Structure formats: C-alpha cells, structure tokens
Amino acid sequence: MQVTFTFRNTEVGEWIKDYTTKKLAKLDRYIDKPVDVHVILSVEKFRNVAEINVTAKGMNLNGKEEAKEMSQAIDNVIDKIERQIKKHKDKTRKHKDNSSIQEIINEELISAEESLPEENISDESSRLVETRKIVLKPMSIEDALLEIESKQSQFVIYRDFSSEKVSIVYRRDDGNYAMIEANS
C-alpha cells in the first residue's frame, strides 16, 4: 500500500502520518494489491478535515469527514472507506454468485437433456431450436393486421391497446387471419 499525504493549513506532524498509516493497515485485508492511497488533511477554522482517496484494482473510493479533533476525523473517514470496500466486495461476490447459479442451471439442463429417453432425442423435429425475446408493443388489431401485411410475416405478437391483454394475430393457410388472446 502506497500512502501519500497532503497537508493544507496545518503542520506536518509525524504522529499524524504514523497514526493514519497504522489505521489504514486494517484495510489491507479487504483490498487486493497494488493499492494507492492519497490522504489529504486540512484545517479550516475550527474544523479538522480528513479526506482519503483509495485507488485499487477495479475500484476507486473516496471519503471525506470532519471533526473537532484530527484523529477523530481520520477514524471516521477510514470507517467510511471500510464500509465502501465491504459494499463493493459484496456486490462483486453477488455478481459472481449469480453467474455460478446460471452455470448450475445450465449443467442441470444438460444432464436432464441427457437423461431423456432415446426416442425423444432422435426426433429432431420436436426440439426447440430457437428462442427469441420480444418487446410487446401496445397496438390495436387493425395496427397488427397492417404490420403483418407490411412486413409479410406470418404472425404478430402484441399487447392489446384497450384491454392490455397479450394477443397473437396470424395468417391462416386460406389467407384469412385468426387471433389468439391470452388472459393474464
């Protein structure tokens, strides 16, 4: 951990450097190396202000606190930085946990697919070969018919403008149209 100090309107006290460095040492267990820490200590009238900027791999944390005593301001800002680090670690841990859950689900799907009877695996026409996600547009049935005609597609899935139900309009083999409406 590389620590740099900046003093504003105050004397350079070795005891402040030692005190701050000792308090910052407890952050080492939370942060991966290399770490750059910039400590700014200033005095404004009767307020002692401590500001710490931590730059580490994948994160940039800032904290600023003021108190009547410089040591109290340093303690408060280090506690604030520690909370930020823990919050960041929890976020990355949850993100990694979600990806591992997805891997487990994929493995279960593969094992379930392998355990299917042989007649289902050999029948290629009954397998799901494509999945699409769509955004349902609110429209009327007339708009849906116009969209089928303009795009030369076989069907349109939409949210009905008036009833808010999901509907499907499709072109039948005889050239007419049919509508399926879902109750939600």
Protein backbone atom coordinates (compact mmCIF):
# COMPACT_ATOMS: atom_id res chain seq x y z
CA MET A 1 0.00 0.00 0.00
CA GLN A 2 1.48 3.31 -1.09
CA VAL A 3 0.29 6.21 1.04
CA THR A 4 0.85 9.85 0.08
CA PHE A 5 -0.04 12.75 2.32
CA THR A 6 -1.10 16.31 1.57
CA PHE A 7 -1.35 18.83 4.37
CA ARG A 8 -3.34 22.03 4.00
CA ASN A 9 -3.24 24.84 6.56
CA THR A 10 -1.64 22.57 9.12
CA GLU A 11 1.79 21.49 10.25
CA VAL A 12 3.34 18.25 9.08
CA GLY A 13 3.18 16.01 12.13
CA GLU A 14 4.90 12.66 12.06
CA TRP A 15 2.46 11.37 14.66
CA ILE A 16 -0.44 12.05 12.23
CA LYS A 17 1.33 10.14 9.45
CA ASP A 18 2.07 7.20 11.75
CA TYR A 19 -1.45 7.19 13.18
CA THR A 20 -3.07 7.28 9.73
CA THR A 21 -0.77 4.64 8.28
CA LYS A 22 -1.48 2.33 11.23
CA LYS A 23 -5.26 2.80 10.80
CA LEU A 24 -5.03 2.26 7.02
CA ALA A 25 -3.23 -1.04 7.58
CA LYS A 26 -6.53 -2.66 8.62
CA LEU A 27 -7.84 -2.03 5.08
CA ASP A 28 -5.17 -4.33 3.62
CA ARG A 29 -7.20 -7.43 4.37
CA TYR A 30 -10.10 -6.20 2.21
CA ILE A 31 -8.23 -4.86 -0.83
CA ASP A 32 -6.19 -6.68 -3.45
CA LYS A 33 -2.77 -5.27 -4.08
CA PRO A 34 -1.48 -2.87 -5.52
CA VAL A 35 -3.21 -0.01 -3.71
CA ASP A 36 -2.58 3.72 -3.90
CA VAL A 37 -3.94 5.85 -1.05
CA HIS A 38 -3.92 9.64 -1.06
CA VAL A 39 -4.63 11.27 2.31
CA ILE A 40 -5.49 14.97 2.46
CA LEU A 41 -5.53 16.51 5.93
CA SER A 42 -6.61 20.12 6.33
CA VAL A 43 -7.68 22.57 8.98
CA GLU A 44 -10.41 25.10 8.18
CA LYS A 45 -11.07 27.48 11.06
CA PHE A 46 -12.09 25.14 13.87
CA ARG A 47 -12.77 22.09 11.70
CA ASN A 48 -10.31 19.29 11.04
CA VAL A 49 -11.00 17.64 7.69
CA ALA A 50 -9.65 14.26 6.61
CA GLU A 51 -10.12 13.09 3.02
CA ILE A 52 -8.95 9.73 1.71
CA ASN A 53 -8.87 8.57 -1.92
CA VAL A 54 -8.21 4.86 -2.46
CA THR A 55 -7.33 3.53 -5.90
CA ALA A 56 -7.06 -0.21 -6.25
CA LYS A 57 -7.58 -2.78 -8.95
CA GLY A 58 -11.16 -2.35 -10.12
CA MET A 59 -12.27 0.31 -7.67
CA ASN A 60 -11.86 3.97 -6.80
CA LEU A 61 -13.15 5.01 -3.38
CA ASN A 62 -13.39 8.46 -1.82
CA GLY A 63 -14.29 9.55 1.68
CA LYS A 64 -14.31 12.87 3.49
CA GLU A 65 -15.07 13.56 7.15
CA GLU A 66 -14.67 16.47 9.51
CA ALA A 67 -14.48 16.61 13.29
CA LYS A 68 -13.14 18.72 16.15
CA GLU A 69 -10.06 16.52 16.50
CA MET A 70 -7.93 15.32 13.57
CA SER A 71 -7.66 11.77 14.95
CA GLN A 72 -11.46 11.51 15.17
CA ALA A 73 -11.82 12.73 11.57
CA ILE A 74 -9.26 10.16 10.43
CA ASP A 75 -11.06 7.35 12.29
CA ASN A 76 -14.42 8.35 10.80
CA VAL A 77 -13.17 8.56 7.22
CA ILE A 78 -11.36 5.22 7.47
CA ASP A 79 -14.58 3.63 8.78
CA LYS A 80 -16.43 5.15 5.83
CA ILE A 81 -13.87 3.77 3.34
CA GLU A 82 -14.05 0.35 5.02
CA ARG A 83 -17.85 0.29 4.59
CA GLN A 84 -17.45 1.23 0.92
CA ILE A 85 -14.93 -1.56 0.40
CA LYS A 86 -17.21 -4.12 2.05
CA LYS A 87 -20.14 -2.95 -0.07
CA HIS A 88 -18.04 -3.24 -3.22
CA LYS A 89 -16.88 -6.74 -2.25
CA ASP A 90 -20.48 -7.83 -1.57
CA LYS A 91 -21.56 -6.56 -4.99
CA THR A 92 -18.82 -8.46 -6.76
CA ARG A 93 -19.49 -11.56 -4.68
CA LYS A 94 -23.21 -11.46 -5.52
CA HIS A 95 -22.39 -10.93 -9.18
CA LYS A 96 -20.12 -13.96 -9.15
CA ASP A 97 -22.74 -15.97 -7.26
CA ASN A 98 -25.35 -15.22 -9.93
CA SER A 99 -23.03 -16.43 -12.67
CA SER A 100 -22.35 -19.64 -10.76
CA ILE A 101 -26.11 -20.18 -10.33
CA GLN A 102 -26.52 -19.79 -14.09
CA GLU A 103 -23.76 -22.38 -14.64
CA ILE A 104 -25.53 -24.80 -12.27
CA ILE A 105 -28.82 -24.32 -14.13
CA ASN A 106 -27.10 -24.93 -17.46
CA GLU A 107 -25.48 -28.11 -16.11
CA GLU A 108 -28.85 -29.35 -14.82
CA LEU A 109 -30.45 -28.67 -18.20
CA ILE A 110 -27.69 -30.59 -19.97
CA SER A 111 -27.99 -33.52 -17.57
CA ALA A 112 -31.79 -33.50 -17.94
CA GLU A 113 -31.38 -33.50 -21.71
CA GLU A 114 -29.00 -36.45 -21.49
CA SER A 115 -31.46 -38.40 -19.35
CA LEU A 116 -34.32 -38.11 -21.88
CA PRO A 117 -35.50 -41.35 -23.50
CA GLU A 118 -33.81 -42.23 -26.80
CA GLU A 119 -36.96 -41.74 -28.93
CA ASN A 120 -37.20 -38.07 -27.88
CA ILE A 121 -33.58 -37.36 -28.70
CA SER A 122 -33.77 -38.95 -32.15
CA ASP A 123 -36.88 -36.91 -33.12
CA GLU A 124 -35.21 -33.72 -34.36
CA SER A 125 -38.49 -32.04 -35.39
CA SER A 126 -39.74 -31.73 -31.80
CA ARG A 127 -36.66 -29.99 -30.40
CA LEU A 128 -36.57 -26.31 -29.53
CA VAL A 129 -34.12 -24.80 -31.98
CA GLU A 130 -34.60 -21.05 -31.50
CA THR A 131 -35.65 -18.70 -28.72
CA ARG A 132 -36.43 -15.03 -29.21
CA LYS A 133 -37.24 -12.32 -26.71
CA ILE A 134 -39.53 -9.57 -27.91
CA VAL A 135 -40.90 -6.33 -26.54
CA LEU A 136 -44.68 -6.26 -26.74
CA LYS A 137 -45.89 -3.11 -28.43
CA PRO A 138 -49.30 -1.72 -27.47
CA MET A 139 -51.44 -1.59 -30.61
CA SER A 140 -54.93 -2.24 -31.92
CA ILE A 141 -55.94 -5.23 -34.03
CA GLU A 142 -56.01 -3.02 -37.14
CA ASP A 143 -52.40 -1.97 -36.48
CA ALA A 144 -51.42 -5.62 -36.05
CA LEU A 145 -53.03 -6.54 -39.38
CA LEU A 146 -51.23 -3.66 -41.09
CA GLU A 147 -47.93 -4.83 -39.63
CA ILE A 148 -48.47 -8.38 -40.91
CA GLU A 149 -49.22 -7.04 -44.38
CA SER A 150 -46.33 -4.57 -44.46
CA LYS A 151 -43.68 -7.00 -43.18
CA GLN A 152 -45.03 -10.08 -44.97
CA SER A 153 -44.71 -12.03 -41.72
CA GLN A 154 -46.87 -14.93 -40.61
CA PHE A 155 -47.84 -13.52 -37.20
CA VAL A 156 -47.60 -10.56 -34.81
CA ILE A 157 -47.49 -10.71 -31.01
CA TYR A 158 -48.65 -7.52 -29.33
CA ARG A 159 -50.31 -6.05 -26.24
CA ASP A 160 -53.90 -5.00 -26.98
CA PHE A 161 -54.28 -1.25 -26.74
CA SER A 162 -57.62 -1.27 -24.91
CA SER A 163 -57.64 -4.45 -22.81
CA GLU A 164 -53.87 -4.72 -22.05
CA LYS A 165 -54.02 -8.45 -22.91
CA VAL A 166 -51.35 -10.23 -24.90
CA SER A 167 -52.64 -11.19 -28.34
CA ILE A 168 -51.35 -13.01 -31.39
CA VAL A 169 -52.70 -12.39 -34.88
CA TYR A 170 -51.62 -14.86 -37.54
CA ARG A 171 -52.28 -15.56 -41.21
CA ARG A 172 -54.07 -18.82 -41.86
CA ASP A 173 -53.40 -21.09 -44.84
CA ASP A 174 -56.59 -19.91 -46.57
CA GLY A 175 -55.38 -16.26 -46.48
CA ASN A 176 -57.67 -15.11 -43.66
CA TYR A 177 -56.48 -14.02 -40.23
CA ALA A 178 -57.01 -15.51 -36.79
CA MET A 179 -56.43 -14.03 -33.35
CA ILE A 180 -55.38 -15.70 -30.10
CA GLU A 181 -55.90 -13.66 -26.94
CA ALA A 182 -54.28 -14.59 -23.63
CA ASN A 183 -55.89 -13.95 -20.26
CA SER A 184 -53.28 -12.53 -17.94
